[in-house]
C-alpha atoms as a PDB file:
ATOM      1  CA  UNK A   1     -22.939   0.494 -10.101  1.00  0.00           C
ATOM      2  CA  UNK A   2     -21.816   2.227  -6.901  1.00  0.00           C
ATOM      3  CA  UNK A   3     -21.430  -1.112  -5.103  1.00  0.00           C
ATOM      4  CA  UNK A   4     -19.221  -2.361  -7.934  1.00  0.00           C
ATOM      5  CA  UNK A   5     -16.901   0.641  -7.559  1.00  0.00           C
ATOM      6  CA  UNK A   6     -16.736   0.134  -3.788  1.00  0.00           C
ATOM      7  CA  UNK A   7     -15.778  -3.515  -4.230  1.00  0.00           C
ATOM      8  CA  UNK A   8     -13.164  -2.545  -6.805  1.00  0.00           C
ATOM      9  CA  UNK A   9     -11.628   0.069  -4.506  1.00  0.00           C
ATOM     10  CA  UNK A  10     -11.600  -2.375  -1.590  1.00  0.00           C
ATOM     11  CA  UNK A  11      -9.831  -5.020  -3.668  1.00  0.00           C
ATOM     12  CA  UNK A  12      -7.271  -2.474  -4.880  1.00  0.00           C
ATOM     13  CA  UNK A  13      -6.680  -1.310  -1.302  1.00  0.00           C
ATOM     14  CA  UNK A  14      -6.077  -4.939  -0.269  1.00  0.00           C
ATOM     15  CA  UNK A  15      -3.631  -5.283  -3.154  1.00  0.00           C
ATOM     16  CA  UNK A  16      -1.731  -2.190  -2.017  1.00  0.00           C
ATOM     17  CA  UNK A  17      -1.656  -3.580   1.532  1.00  0.00           C
ATOM     18  CA  UNK A  18      -0.194  -6.850   0.256  1.00  0.00           C
ATOM     19  CA  UNK A  19       2.410  -4.959  -1.772  1.00  0.00           C
ATOM     20  CA  UNK A  20       3.265  -2.907   1.307  1.00  0.00           C
ATOM     21  CA  UNK A  21       3.863  -6.045   3.339  1.00  0.00           C
ATOM     22  CA  UNK A  22       5.890  -7.893   0.696  1.00  0.00           C
ATOM     23  CA  UNK A  23       7.974  -4.997  -0.652  1.00  0.00           C
ATOM     24  CA  UNK A  24      10.302  -4.729   2.401  1.00  0.00           C
ATOM     25  CA  UNK A  25      11.230  -8.410   2.113  1.00  0.00           C
ATOM     26  CA  UNK A  26      12.067  -8.005  -1.573  1.00  0.00           C
ATOM     27  CA  UNK A  27      14.091  -4.801  -1.235  1.00  0.00           C
ATOM     28  CA  UNK A  28      16.089  -5.971   1.769  1.00  0.00           C
ATOM     29  CA  UNK A  29      17.551  -8.808  -0.304  1.00  0.00           C
ATOM     30  CA  UNK A  30      19.671  -6.177  -2.072  1.00  0.00           C
ATOM     31  CA  UNK A  31      21.423  -4.196   0.690  1.00  0.00           C
ATOM     32  CA  UNK A  32      22.229  -1.150  -1.455  1.00  0.00           C
ATOM     33  CA  UNK A  33      18.583  -0.719  -2.457  1.00  0.00           C
ATOM     34  CA  UNK A  34      17.250  -1.526   1.011  1.00  0.00           C
ATOM     35  CA  UNK A  35      19.279   1.238   2.643  1.00  0.00           C
ATOM     36  CA  UNK A  36      18.619   3.806  -0.075  1.00  0.00           C
ATOM     37  CA  UNK A  37      14.894   3.322  -0.684  1.00  0.00           C
ATOM     38  CA  UNK A  38      12.126   4.216   1.764  1.00  0.00           C
ATOM     39  CA  UNK A  39       9.849   1.468   0.546  1.00  0.00           C
ATOM     40  CA  UNK A  40       7.271   1.557   3.334  1.00  0.00           C
ATOM     41  CA  UNK A  41       5.392   4.608   2.143  1.00  0.00           C
ATOM     42  CA  UNK A  42       5.205   3.929  -1.582  1.00  0.00           C
ATOM     43  CA  UNK A  43       2.082   1.679  -1.535  1.00  0.00           C
ATOM     44  CA  UNK A  44       0.282   3.965   0.930  1.00  0.00           C
ATOM     45  CA  UNK A  45       0.965   7.049  -1.177  1.00  0.00           C
ATOM     46  CA  UNK A  46      -0.103   5.285  -4.368  1.00  0.00           C
ATOM     47  CA  UNK A  47      -3.288   4.049  -2.715  1.00  0.00           C
ATOM     48  CA  UNK A  48      -4.150   7.517  -1.468  1.00  0.00           C
ATOM     49  CA  UNK A  49      -3.474   9.036  -4.879  1.00  0.00           C
ATOM     50  CA  UNK A  50      -5.332   6.431  -6.939  1.00  0.00           C
ATOM     51  CA  UNK A  51      -8.239   5.559  -4.633  1.00  0.00           C
ATOM     52  CA  UNK A  52      -8.585   8.761  -2.621  1.00  0.00           C
ATOM     53  CA  UNK A  53      -7.633  10.031   0.787  1.00  0.00           C
ATOM     54  CA  UNK A  54      -9.932   7.920   2.961  1.00  0.00           C
ATOM     55  CA  UNK A  55      -8.631   4.686   1.437  1.00  0.00           C
ATOM     56  CA  UNK A  56      -5.033   5.850   1.834  1.00  0.00           C
ATOM     57  CA  UNK A  57      -5.590   6.721   5.497  1.00  0.00           C
ATOM     58  CA  UNK A  58      -7.318   3.408   6.109  1.00  0.00           C
ATOM     59  CA  UNK A  59      -4.447   1.553   4.492  1.00  0.00           C
ATOM     60  CA  UNK A  60      -1.959   3.513   6.586  1.00  0.00           C
ATOM     61  CA  UNK A  61      -3.903   2.597   9.720  1.00  0.00           C
ATOM     62  CA  UNK A  62      -3.870  -1.117   8.823  1.00  0.00           C
ATOM     63  CA  UNK A  63      -0.225  -0.991   7.750  1.00  0.00           C
ATOM     64  CA  UNK A  64       0.858   0.527  11.062  1.00  0.00           C
ATOM     65  CA  UNK A  65      -1.278  -1.949  12.974  1.00  0.00           C
ATOM     66  CA  UNK A  66       0.564  -4.939  11.498  1.00  0.00           C
END
């Protein structure tokens, strides 16, 4: 059961990483939204809140590495 939860959290973290990489391209298509919204941190904050701090920090590390 614990392995299943770990796999689920890993998949969700990968989903948040993908959202974090795609979201800037979507929001920059509308200039008013792109300048107003700080879209980079939303997926990282959601990941840290939903999955826990270590997953949020790991996602932040991978997001800054890209």
